Amino acid sequence: MTDLSFDSAVDLVKAIKRRKIRSTELLEHYIERMERFNPKINAIVATDLDNARKRSRKADEALDRGEDWGVLHGLPMTIKDSYEVKGMPCTSGSPDLKDYQPAETALVVKKLVDQGAIIFGKTNLPLFGGDLQSYNEVYGQTNNPWNLGRVPGGSSGGSAAALAAGLTGLELGSDIGGSIRNPSHFCGVFGHKPTFDIVPLKGHIPPPPGTLPGKYTSSTDLLVGGPMARSAKDLVLVMDLITAPKCPLDRAWKINLPPARGKSLADFKIGVWLDDQTYPTDANVLDCLQKAVDELAKAGARIEYKKPDIDFAQSHAVFTQLLQSATSAGLPDKVFDRMLGRATNLSPEAHGDRALSVRGIALLHRDWIRLNYVRTRVRETWANFFKAYDILLCPTVPVTAFSHDHTADFFARKLKVNGEDRSYFDTTIAWAGLTGMAYLPSTIAPVGTARDGLPVGLQIVAPYLEDQTSLHFAGLVEEVIGGFIPPSGFVH
């Protein structure tokens, strides 16, 4: 076995079942590393070690009796602090929830526990998942293990940092505007944003706890939950467990995702879209992505520099408004009323990120329906592209992990792209929104480091409901390019 700290979940469970290591030993290994390394990065922000130790002992005893709990038997792992876990706090980064203790465990987390997972900690995020960094008033700031002065991404930043630092065996994140994908890119781990609405999110905050007290649940537009890991095979394993229709559809509906479109690299016809004049990719990242594409071509991949016939600026404008509309229900009434007033006074010619966000918050339902019509036409364009191509490769975020910036005015923040100041909002979410707005699955695979020494993740986009295609392709990328690399300061 390689270093336990950085093994895949699949290999760790295999080692437990083969008695090469006991679940209790692996848990103590992570606890020791957490005590040693977590103060530097502040990724794991709450724990339940007593119950985790009890459950790991029971997992070992069950194996001794010949009992197998499932595909995650005895695996210690952490969960993003937006998912409810019975017996642990769930703040979603909000001071108002710092004392909240859920009575039940979120459905997707329960699916993992039912297969033998042992939840020992919760990982950090921004307030209600609303930033591309991970800091809040309850638990403070999370740092990137590759460079403590840089962000780990958000909102699943604690998840990605804990994985990269070797503090956990597996993670579960959530994504509405890149919240699984950009932390995976910034920290050099794998992440999967599923097709919209194939993973039930009952027990996720937002919406606020108590909003949906019964068994029924509803979907927040764009929001999905998905796995994060150090290997593509872990993503496949978890997606097999958590893919299901939500209640009450589960009484009659089943989800049977199509198999991957191919097995080997040569089986896939691949479109490539690495840069765009509207939302350009920094040369630091672009060079790394291009090198990865070149390596795939040398290994037999059929590459064409083709992209869907989409107006990126229009797509991003629609996404921005739909995103803000989807999250507006959680705003305090005073804030919402203020946004309504600002929207009324906006000039028709105002199309910047701030103006689009205000319009999105204040959308009338009829205007949302009109935007959804536009989205549907964009989805058709994507579907037509995927008649000719099996995969699209594109950036995740066009920059590497940037310095912490807690400037209160979100839209006043700037990021350098090719030496020029660019909008923080547009830069961090444009490429994620391109695919998320269309409800498409996309998998992030680490493909090395940029010139600045920080990780770069390749976004692998597949057709609607064809999650298995992007997941399988991520595994092929892992084989060719090498996959996860531990950050040097944590390899001991």
Protein backbone atom coordinates (compact mmCIF):
# COMPACT_ATOMS: atom_id res chain seq x y z
CA MET A 1 0.00 0.00 0.00
CA THR A 2 0.97 3.61 -0.56
CA ASP A 3 0.75 6.24 2.19
CA LEU A 4 -2.61 5.71 3.91
CA SER A 5 -3.09 9.44 4.09
CA PHE A 6 -3.45 9.78 0.33
CA ASP A 7 -4.90 6.44 -0.74
CA SER A 8 -8.21 6.32 -2.58
CA ALA A 9 -11.35 5.38 -0.66
CA VAL A 10 -11.69 2.27 -2.82
CA ASP A 11 -8.21 1.09 -1.86
CA LEU A 12 -8.69 1.96 1.80
CA VAL A 13 -11.90 -0.06 2.07
CA LYS A 14 -10.22 -2.94 0.26
CA ALA A 15 -7.37 -2.83 2.78
CA ILE A 16 -9.83 -2.83 5.70
CA LYS A 17 -11.75 -5.78 4.32
CA ARG A 18 -8.52 -7.70 3.67
CA ARG A 19 -7.42 -6.99 7.27
CA LYS A 20 -4.30 -5.09 6.15
CA ILE A 21 -5.47 -2.30 8.42
CA ARG A 22 -8.36 -2.03 10.84
CA SER A 23 -10.97 0.69 10.68
CA THR A 24 -9.99 1.81 14.17
CA GLU A 25 -6.36 2.20 13.08
CA LEU A 26 -7.31 4.24 10.03
CA LEU A 27 -9.55 6.50 12.08
CA GLU A 28 -6.76 7.13 14.60
CA HIS A 29 -4.41 7.81 11.69
CA TYR A 30 -6.72 10.58 10.42
CA ILE A 31 -7.26 11.96 13.93
CA GLU A 32 -3.52 12.19 14.49
CA ARG A 33 -3.06 13.99 11.16
CA MET A 34 -6.01 16.25 11.93
CA GLU A 35 -4.47 17.28 15.24
CA ARG A 36 -1.13 17.89 13.57
CA PHE A 37 -2.12 19.57 10.32
CA ASN A 38 -5.62 20.95 10.64
CA PRO A 39 -4.63 24.02 12.71
CA LYS A 40 -2.73 25.27 9.64
CA ILE A 41 -5.62 24.94 7.21
CA ASN A 42 -8.78 24.88 9.39
CA ALA A 43 -10.56 22.47 7.03
CA ILE A 44 -12.27 20.25 9.63
CA VAL A 45 -14.31 22.46 11.96
CA ALA A 46 -16.40 20.04 14.05
CA THR A 47 -15.95 16.42 15.12
CA ASP A 48 -17.75 13.54 16.79
CA LEU A 49 -14.81 11.35 17.71
CA ASP A 50 -16.45 9.34 20.49
CA ASN A 51 -19.19 8.01 18.25
CA ALA A 52 -16.78 7.56 15.35
CA ARG A 53 -14.49 5.44 17.52
CA LYS A 54 -17.42 3.32 18.72
CA ARG A 55 -18.62 2.75 15.17
CA SER A 56 -15.14 1.91 13.86
CA ARG A 57 -14.75 -0.69 16.60
CA LYS A 58 -18.09 -2.18 15.59
CA ALA A 59 -16.95 -2.21 11.96
CA ASP A 60 -13.87 -4.23 12.89
CA GLU A 61 -15.89 -6.59 15.07
CA ALA A 62 -18.37 -7.11 12.23
CA LEU A 63 -15.58 -8.13 9.86
CA ASP A 64 -14.26 -10.52 12.51
CA ARG A 65 -17.70 -12.17 12.44
CA GLY A 66 -17.70 -12.28 8.65
CA GLU A 67 -20.20 -9.43 8.25
CA ASP A 68 -19.82 -6.88 5.47
CA TRP A 69 -21.66 -3.57 5.88
CA GLY A 70 -21.17 -2.50 2.27
CA VAL A 71 -18.80 -0.84 -0.15
CA LEU A 72 -17.65 1.79 2.39
CA HIS A 73 -17.26 -0.61 5.33
CA GLY A 74 -15.20 1.06 8.04
CA LEU A 75 -14.10 4.08 6.00
CA PRO A 76 -13.62 7.24 8.11
CA MET A 77 -14.72 10.36 6.25
CA THR A 78 -15.86 13.94 6.69
CA ILE A 79 -18.90 15.81 5.37
CA LYS A 80 -19.36 19.42 4.26
CA ASP A 81 -21.08 21.43 6.99
CA SER A 82 -24.11 22.14 4.82
CA TYR A 83 -25.32 18.54 5.26
CA GLU A 84 -27.20 17.56 8.39
CA VAL A 85 -25.65 14.72 10.41
CA LYS A 86 -27.43 13.55 13.54
CA GLY A 87 -25.32 14.14 16.64
CA MET A 88 -23.18 16.85 15.03
CA PRO A 89 -23.64 20.60 14.56
CA CYS A 90 -24.73 21.89 11.16
CA THR A 91 -24.15 25.60 10.73
CA SER A 92 -23.78 26.09 6.97
CA GLY A 93 -21.45 28.85 8.12
CA SER A 94 -24.19 30.87 9.83
CA PRO A 95 -23.87 32.26 13.38
CA ASP A 96 -27.64 31.83 13.70
CA LEU A 97 -27.12 28.05 13.41
CA LYS A 98 -24.04 27.65 15.59
CA ASP A 99 -26.04 25.71 18.19
CA TYR A 100 -28.23 23.79 15.74
CA GLN A 101 -28.19 20.00 16.19
CA PRO A 102 -30.13 18.11 13.48
CA ALA A 103 -32.51 15.36 14.59
CA GLU A 104 -31.92 13.41 11.38
CA THR A 105 -29.11 12.78 8.91
CA ALA A 106 -29.35 14.07 5.34
CA LEU A 107 -30.54 11.41 2.94
CA VAL A 108 -27.36 11.24 0.84
CA VAL A 109 -25.18 11.05 3.95
CA LYS A 110 -27.36 8.25 5.31
CA LYS A 111 -26.82 6.33 2.08
CA LEU A 112 -23.07 6.46 2.71
CA VAL A 113 -23.44 5.52 6.39
CA ASP A 114 -25.69 2.60 5.45
CA GLN A 115 -22.84 1.30 3.30
CA GLY A 116 -20.40 1.41 6.21
CA ALA A 117 -18.97 4.94 6.19
CA ILE A 118 -17.93 6.47 9.52
CA ILE A 119 -18.52 10.23 9.75
CA PHE A 120 -16.01 11.77 12.15
CA GLY A 121 -16.00 15.44 11.16
CA LYS A 122 -17.59 18.37 9.32
CA THR A 123 -15.69 20.62 6.90
CA ASN A 124 -15.80 24.37 6.45
CA LEU A 125 -17.62 26.55 3.92
CA PRO A 126 -18.68 30.19 3.42
CA LEU A 127 -21.94 31.55 4.82
CA PHE A 128 -24.71 29.40 3.31
CA GLY A 129 -22.30 28.36 0.57
CA GLY A 130 -22.42 31.84 -0.94
CA ASP A 131 -18.79 32.51 -1.90
CA LEU A 132 -15.90 31.05 -3.87
CA GLN A 133 -13.77 31.17 -0.72
CA SER A 134 -14.39 29.35 2.58
CA TYR A 135 -14.67 31.54 5.66
CA ASN A 136 -17.45 32.44 8.08
CA GLU A 137 -18.03 34.04 11.48
CA VAL A 138 -18.53 30.67 13.19
CA TYR A 139 -15.35 28.83 12.23
CA GLY A 140 -13.13 31.35 10.50
CA GLN A 141 -11.01 30.96 7.38
CA THR A 142 -9.88 27.79 5.60
CA ASN A 143 -6.50 27.84 3.83
CA ASN A 144 -5.28 25.99 0.76
CA PRO A 145 -2.81 23.19 1.67
CA TRP A 146 -0.72 24.10 -1.39
CA ASN A 147 -0.26 27.68 -0.18
CA LEU A 148 -1.73 28.84 3.11
CA GLY A 149 -2.07 32.38 1.80
CA ARG A 150 -4.41 31.20 -0.95
CA VAL A 151 -8.05 30.17 -0.90
CA PRO A 152 -9.10 26.50 -1.13
CA GLY A 153 -12.14 27.57 -3.12
CA GLY A 154 -15.75 27.49 -2.12
CA SER A 155 -18.20 26.62 -1.15
CA SER A 156 -16.85 23.07 -0.61
CA GLY A 157 -13.43 24.49 0.25
CA GLY A 158 -13.03 22.66 3.55
CA SER A 159 -13.88 19.42 1.78
CA ALA A 160 -11.21 19.89 -0.88
CA ALA A 161 -8.58 21.08 1.61
CA ALA A 162 -9.16 18.12 3.94
CA LEU A 163 -8.81 15.68 1.03
CA ALA A 164 -5.68 17.32 -0.34
CA ALA A 165 -4.06 17.39 3.10
CA GLY A 166 -4.79 13.69 3.70
CA LEU A 167 -7.10 14.28 6.67
CA THR A 168 -10.07 12.24 5.41
CA GLY A 169 -10.90 9.29 3.20
CA LEU A 170 -13.75 10.80 1.20
CA GLU A 171 -15.99 13.88 1.02
CA LEU A 172 -19.43 14.97 -0.08
CA GLY A 173 -19.84 18.48 -1.44
CA SER A 174 -22.57 20.54 -3.09
CA ASP A 175 -22.51 22.83 -6.11
CA ILE A 176 -24.72 25.60 -7.47
CA GLY A 177 -22.14 27.82 -9.15
CA GLY A 178 -18.98 25.72 -9.10
CA SER A 179 -18.88 24.86 -5.40
CA ILE A 180 -17.59 21.31 -5.97
CA ARG A 181 -15.65 22.13 -9.09
CA ASN A 182 -13.61 25.20 -8.21
CA PRO A 183 -12.32 23.79 -4.86
CA SER A 184 -11.34 20.58 -6.67
CA HIS A 185 -9.41 22.69 -9.18
CA PHE A 186 -7.80 24.92 -6.54
CA CYS A 187 -6.73 22.02 -4.28
CA GLY A 188 -5.87 19.41 -6.91
CA VAL A 189 -8.52 16.77 -6.14
CA PHE A 190 -11.29 15.07 -8.08
CA GLY A 191 -14.88 16.27 -7.93
CA HIS A 192 -18.12 15.51 -9.71
CA LYS A 193 -21.07 17.84 -10.31
CA PRO A 194 -23.93 15.51 -11.20
CA THR A 195 -26.69 16.09 -13.68
CA PHE A 196 -29.24 18.34 -11.99
CA ASP A 197 -31.82 16.60 -9.80
CA ILE A 198 -30.46 13.04 -9.79
CA VAL A 199 -29.15 13.29 -6.21
CA PRO A 200 -31.81 14.06 -3.55
CA LEU A 201 -30.76 16.90 -1.26
CA LYS A 202 -33.17 16.62 1.65
CA GLY A 203 -31.16 17.55 4.74
CA HIS A 204 -28.97 20.10 2.96
CA ILE A 205 -28.80 23.74 4.15
CA PRO A 206 -29.93 25.91 2.38
CA PRO A 207 -32.89 25.88 2.51
CA PRO A 208 -32.96 26.67 6.24
CA PRO A 209 -33.63 23.76 8.61
CA GLY A 210 -37.33 23.12 9.14
CA THR A 211 -38.33 24.45 5.72
CA LEU A 212 -39.32 20.96 4.56
CA PRO A 213 -40.17 19.05 7.75
CA GLY A 214 -41.79 16.00 6.16
CA LYS A 215 -40.55 13.37 3.77
CA TYR A 216 -41.35 15.45 0.70
CA THR A 217 -38.63 17.61 -0.77
CA SER A 218 -38.28 20.10 -3.59
CA SER A 219 -35.33 21.07 -5.73
CA THR A 220 -33.47 24.36 -5.65
CA ASP A 221 -32.71 25.30 -9.25
CA LEU A 222 -29.08 24.55 -10.22
CA LEU A 223 -28.16 23.07 -6.82
CA VAL A 224 -26.66 19.56 -6.79
CA GLY A 225 -24.76 17.35 -4.37
CA GLY A 226 -21.83 15.21 -5.39
CA PRO A 227 -18.64 13.43 -4.30
CA MET A 228 -15.10 14.75 -3.93
CA ALA A 229 -12.13 12.42 -3.65
CA ARG A 230 -8.50 11.69 -4.50
CA SER A 231 -9.35 9.29 -7.34
CA ALA A 232 -11.94 9.09 -10.09
CA LYS A 233 -12.91 5.56 -9.03
CA ASP A 234 -14.11 6.95 -5.69
CA LEU A 235 -16.43 9.34 -7.51
CA VAL A 236 -17.93 6.44 -9.47
CA LEU A 237 -18.44 4.44 -6.29
CA VAL A 238 -20.28 7.25 -4.49
CA MET A 239 -22.42 8.23 -7.47
CA ASP A 240 -23.66 4.64 -7.68
CA LEU A 241 -24.82 4.99 -4.06
CA ILE A 242 -26.43 8.41 -4.05
CA THR A 243 -28.13 8.62 -7.45
CA ALA A 244 -31.88 8.35 -6.83
CA PRO A 245 -35.13 10.25 -7.43
CA LYS A 246 -36.35 12.48 -4.62
CA CYS A 247 -39.42 11.78 -2.53
CA PRO A 248 -42.24 11.31 -3.54
CA LEU A 249 -41.02 10.41 -7.03
CA ASP A 250 -39.07 7.48 -5.57
CA ARG A 251 -42.37 5.61 -5.14
CA ALA A 252 -42.49 5.01 -8.88
CA TRP A 253 -39.41 6.42 -10.60
CA LYS A 254 -35.98 4.84 -10.93
CA ILE A 255 -32.82 6.38 -12.33
CA ASN A 256 -30.74 4.19 -14.62
CA LEU A 257 -27.94 6.32 -16.01
CA PRO A 258 -26.59 5.33 -19.42
CA PRO A 259 -23.19 3.61 -19.45
CA ALA A 260 -20.10 5.52 -20.50
CA ARG A 261 -19.92 6.15 -24.24
CA GLY A 262 -16.59 4.36 -24.50
CA LYS A 263 -13.91 2.42 -22.65
CA SER A 264 -10.56 3.57 -24.04
CA LEU A 265 -9.42 7.07 -24.95
CA ALA A 266 -9.74 6.25 -28.63
CA ASP A 267 -13.44 5.47 -28.17
CA PHE A 268 -14.27 9.10 -27.38
CA LYS A 269 -14.64 11.95 -29.83
CA ILE A 270 -13.55 14.97 -27.83
CA GLY A 271 -14.27 18.63 -28.29
CA VAL A 272 -11.89 21.15 -26.70
CA TRP A 273 -12.70 24.72 -25.59
CA LEU A 274 -9.81 25.99 -23.46
CA ASP A 275 -10.06 29.75 -23.92
CA ASP A 276 -12.58 32.42 -24.85
CA GLN A 277 -12.23 36.12 -25.51
CA THR A 278 -15.31 36.86 -23.38
CA TYR A 279 -14.03 35.06 -20.28
CA PRO A 280 -10.35 34.39 -21.02
CA THR A 281 -8.16 31.78 -19.39
CA ASP A 282 -4.98 33.02 -17.73
CA ALA A 283 -1.87 31.79 -19.54
CA ASN A 284 -0.66 30.23 -16.28
CA VAL A 285 -3.66 27.85 -16.36
CA LEU A 286 -4.03 27.64 -20.13
CA ASP A 287 -0.50 26.26 -20.60
CA CYS A 288 -1.18 23.48 -18.09
CA LEU A 289 -4.52 22.59 -19.69
CA GLN A 290 -2.97 22.58 -23.17
CA LYS A 291 -0.20 20.28 -22.00
CA ALA A 292 -2.81 17.89 -20.60
CA VAL A 293 -4.76 17.89 -23.86
CA ASP A 294 -1.54 17.24 -25.80
CA GLU A 295 -0.73 14.29 -23.53
CA LEU A 296 -4.19 12.84 -24.07
CA ALA A 297 -3.77 13.20 -27.84
CA LYS A 298 -0.42 11.40 -27.70
CA ALA A 299 -2.11 8.61 -25.74
CA GLY A 300 -4.68 8.09 -28.50
CA ALA A 301 -7.48 10.55 -27.77
CA ARG A 302 -9.34 11.96 -30.79
CA ILE A 303 -9.14 15.70 -30.19
CA GLU A 304 -10.87 18.48 -32.12
CA TYR A 305 -10.90 22.14 -31.12
CA LYS A 306 -14.67 22.42 -31.39
CA LYS A 307 -17.26 23.86 -29.03
CA PRO A 308 -21.04 24.19 -28.95
CA ASP A 309 -22.50 27.12 -30.86
CA ILE A 310 -23.26 29.09 -27.71
CA ASP A 311 -23.06 32.82 -27.04
CA PHE A 312 -20.96 32.66 -23.85
CA ALA A 313 -21.90 36.17 -22.73
CA GLN A 314 -25.62 35.49 -23.11
CA SER A 315 -25.33 32.10 -21.41
CA HIS A 316 -23.50 33.68 -18.48
CA ALA A 317 -26.05 36.48 -18.19
CA VAL A 318 -28.88 33.95 -18.03
CA PHE A 319 -26.98 31.82 -15.53
CA THR A 320 -26.22 34.78 -13.28
CA GLN A 321 -29.88 35.76 -13.06
CA LEU A 322 -31.08 32.19 -12.53
CA LEU A 323 -28.42 31.70 -9.84
CA GLN A 324 -29.42 34.81 -7.93
CA SER A 325 -33.10 33.96 -8.29
CA ALA A 326 -32.49 30.46 -6.92
CA THR A 327 -30.77 31.80 -3.81
CA SER A 328 -32.94 34.87 -3.19
CA ALA A 329 -35.47 33.08 -0.97
CA GLY A 330 -32.90 32.93 1.81
CA LEU A 331 -32.28 36.68 1.88
CA PRO A 332 -33.64 38.69 4.82
CA ASP A 333 -36.73 40.71 3.87
CA LYS A 334 -34.92 44.03 4.31
CA VAL A 335 -32.15 42.97 1.92
CA PHE A 336 -34.63 41.63 -0.62
CA ASP A 337 -36.71 44.83 -0.49
CA ARG A 338 -33.55 46.85 -1.05
CA MET A 339 -32.69 44.74 -4.11
CA LEU A 340 -36.21 45.25 -5.48
CA GLY A 341 -35.68 49.00 -5.26
CA ARG A 342 -32.30 48.80 -6.98
CA ALA A 343 -33.71 46.62 -9.77
CA THR A 344 -36.44 49.19 -10.46
CA ASN A 345 -33.85 51.93 -10.85
CA LEU A 346 -31.45 49.97 -13.08
CA SER A 347 -30.78 51.32 -16.53
CA PRO A 348 -31.83 48.92 -19.33
CA GLU A 349 -28.25 49.22 -20.63
CA ALA A 350 -26.73 47.95 -17.35
CA HIS A 351 -25.41 44.42 -17.94
CA GLY A 352 -22.49 44.08 -15.53
CA ASP A 353 -22.25 41.34 -12.91
CA ARG A 354 -23.74 43.56 -10.19
CA ALA A 355 -26.70 44.63 -12.36
CA LEU A 356 -27.42 41.06 -13.52
CA SER A 357 -27.30 39.83 -9.94
CA VAL A 358 -29.74 42.48 -8.77
CA ARG A 359 -32.09 41.66 -11.63
CA GLY A 360 -31.86 37.97 -10.77
CA ILE A 361 -32.78 38.55 -7.13
CA ALA A 362 -35.77 40.68 -8.14
CA LEU A 363 -37.04 38.47 -10.99
CA LEU A 364 -40.78 38.28 -11.55
CA HIS A 365 -41.96 34.75 -12.10
CA ARG A 366 -42.90 35.55 -15.72
CA ASP A 367 -39.34 36.78 -16.33
CA TRP A 368 -37.92 33.61 -14.76
CA ILE A 369 -40.05 31.57 -17.17
CA ARG A 370 -38.71 33.58 -20.09
CA LEU A 371 -35.13 32.98 -18.96
CA ASN A 372 -35.92 29.30 -18.58
CA TYR A 373 -37.09 29.27 -22.21
CA VAL A 374 -33.70 30.67 -23.18
CA ARG A 375 -32.00 28.04 -21.03
CA THR A 376 -34.00 25.31 -22.75
CA ARG A 377 -32.80 26.51 -26.16
CA VAL A 378 -29.21 26.53 -24.86
CA ARG A 379 -29.69 22.99 -23.57
CA GLU A 380 -30.82 21.97 -27.05
CA THR A 381 -27.65 23.48 -28.48
CA TRP A 382 -25.58 21.42 -26.06
CA ALA A 383 -27.55 18.29 -27.00
CA ASN A 384 -26.83 18.91 -30.68
CA PHE A 385 -23.13 19.29 -29.93
CA PHE A 386 -23.12 15.97 -28.12
CA LYS A 387 -24.56 14.24 -31.17
CA ALA A 388 -21.18 14.79 -32.80
CA TYR A 389 -18.93 14.72 -29.72
CA ASP A 390 -18.87 12.57 -26.59
CA ILE A 391 -16.98 14.92 -24.27
CA LEU A 392 -16.10 18.59 -24.01
CA LEU A 393 -12.89 19.59 -22.23
CA CYS A 394 -12.77 23.13 -20.84
CA PRO A 395 -11.37 25.13 -17.90
CA THR A 396 -12.82 24.87 -14.41
CA VAL A 397 -11.67 28.32 -13.29
CA PRO A 398 -9.35 30.40 -15.52
CA VAL A 399 -6.94 31.19 -12.65
CA THR A 400 -5.20 29.18 -9.95
CA ALA A 401 -5.99 29.63 -6.26
CA PHE A 402 -5.90 33.33 -5.41
CA SER A 403 -5.14 35.22 -2.21
CA HIS A 404 -7.77 35.48 0.52
CA ASP A 405 -10.02 38.50 0.00
CA HIS A 406 -12.81 39.16 2.48
CA THR A 407 -13.82 42.50 0.98
CA ALA A 408 -17.44 42.91 2.04
CA ASP A 409 -18.56 44.18 -1.36
CA PHE A 410 -18.45 40.96 -3.38
CA PHE A 411 -18.61 42.85 -6.67
CA ALA A 412 -15.74 45.17 -5.79
CA ARG A 413 -13.26 42.29 -5.71
CA LYS A 414 -10.94 41.82 -8.68
CA LEU A 415 -8.75 39.00 -9.99
CA LYS A 416 -5.82 39.27 -12.37
CA VAL A 417 -6.22 37.39 -15.65
CA ASN A 418 -3.29 37.77 -18.04
CA GLY A 419 -2.20 40.85 -16.11
CA GLU A 420 -5.55 42.63 -16.31
CA ASP A 421 -8.10 43.23 -13.55
CA ARG A 422 -11.22 41.17 -14.15
CA SER A 423 -14.49 40.75 -12.28
CA TYR A 424 -14.13 38.36 -9.33
CA PHE A 425 -17.68 37.09 -9.84
CA ASP A 426 -17.41 36.46 -13.58
CA THR A 427 -13.92 34.99 -13.37
CA THR A 428 -14.74 32.49 -10.65
CA ILE A 429 -18.08 31.20 -11.94
CA ALA A 430 -18.37 31.80 -15.70
CA TRP A 431 -16.97 28.44 -16.82
CA ALA A 432 -18.85 26.59 -14.09
CA GLY A 433 -22.08 28.37 -14.96
CA LEU A 434 -21.66 27.54 -18.63
CA THR A 435 -22.33 23.88 -17.89
CA GLY A 436 -24.31 24.18 -14.66
CA MET A 437 -26.97 26.41 -16.21
CA ALA A 438 -27.63 23.65 -18.77
CA TYR A 439 -27.96 20.99 -16.02
CA LEU A 440 -25.02 19.04 -17.46
CA PRO A 441 -22.75 16.69 -15.50
CA SER A 442 -19.09 17.60 -15.28
CA THR A 443 -16.13 15.96 -13.57
CA ILE A 444 -12.97 17.73 -12.46
CA ALA A 445 -9.68 15.84 -12.84
CA PRO A 446 -6.36 17.27 -11.61
CA VAL A 447 -3.87 17.55 -14.48
CA GLY A 448 -0.76 18.89 -12.78
CA THR A 449 0.45 22.25 -11.57
CA ALA A 450 0.75 25.61 -13.28
CA ARG A 451 3.92 27.70 -13.45
CA ASP A 452 3.07 29.20 -10.07
CA GLY A 453 3.18 25.72 -8.51
CA LEU A 454 -0.56 25.55 -7.81
CA PRO A 455 -2.93 22.80 -9.01
CA VAL A 456 -5.03 22.91 -12.16
CA GLY A 457 -8.19 20.89 -12.77
CA LEU A 458 -9.63 19.99 -16.16
CA GLN A 459 -13.43 20.24 -16.49
CA ILE A 460 -14.82 17.21 -18.33
CA VAL A 461 -18.36 17.89 -19.56
CA ALA A 462 -20.72 15.11 -20.65
CA PRO A 463 -24.24 15.05 -22.11
CA TYR A 464 -27.31 15.41 -19.91
CA LEU A 465 -27.76 12.33 -17.67
CA GLU A 466 -24.52 10.80 -18.98
CA ASP A 467 -22.57 11.20 -15.76
CA GLN A 468 -20.91 7.84 -16.32
CA THR A 469 -19.23 9.21 -19.44
CA SER A 470 -17.46 12.11 -17.70
CA LEU A 471 -16.65 9.95 -14.67
CA HIS A 472 -15.10 7.20 -16.79
CA PHE A 473 -13.18 9.71 -18.87
CA ALA A 474 -11.79 11.28 -15.67
CA GLY A 475 -10.40 7.84 -14.81
CA LEU A 476 -8.67 7.70 -18.20
CA VAL A 477 -7.22 11.17 -17.61
CA GLU A 478 -5.98 9.95 -14.23
CA GLU A 479 -4.21 6.99 -15.88
CA VAL A 480 -2.53 9.12 -18.55
CA ILE A 481 -1.60 12.24 -16.59
CA GLY A 482 -1.21 10.92 -13.06
CA GLY A 483 -4.10 12.29 -11.03
CA PHE A 484 -3.83 13.53 -7.46
CA ILE A 485 -0.51 14.85 -6.14
CA PRO A 486 -0.15 15.49 -2.37
CA PRO A 487 0.92 19.02 -1.41
CA SER A 488 4.52 18.84 -0.20
CA GLY A 489 3.96 20.33 3.23
CA PHE A 490 1.65 17.47 4.24
CA VAL A 491 3.63 14.42 3.08
CA HIS A 492 4.95 13.20 6.44
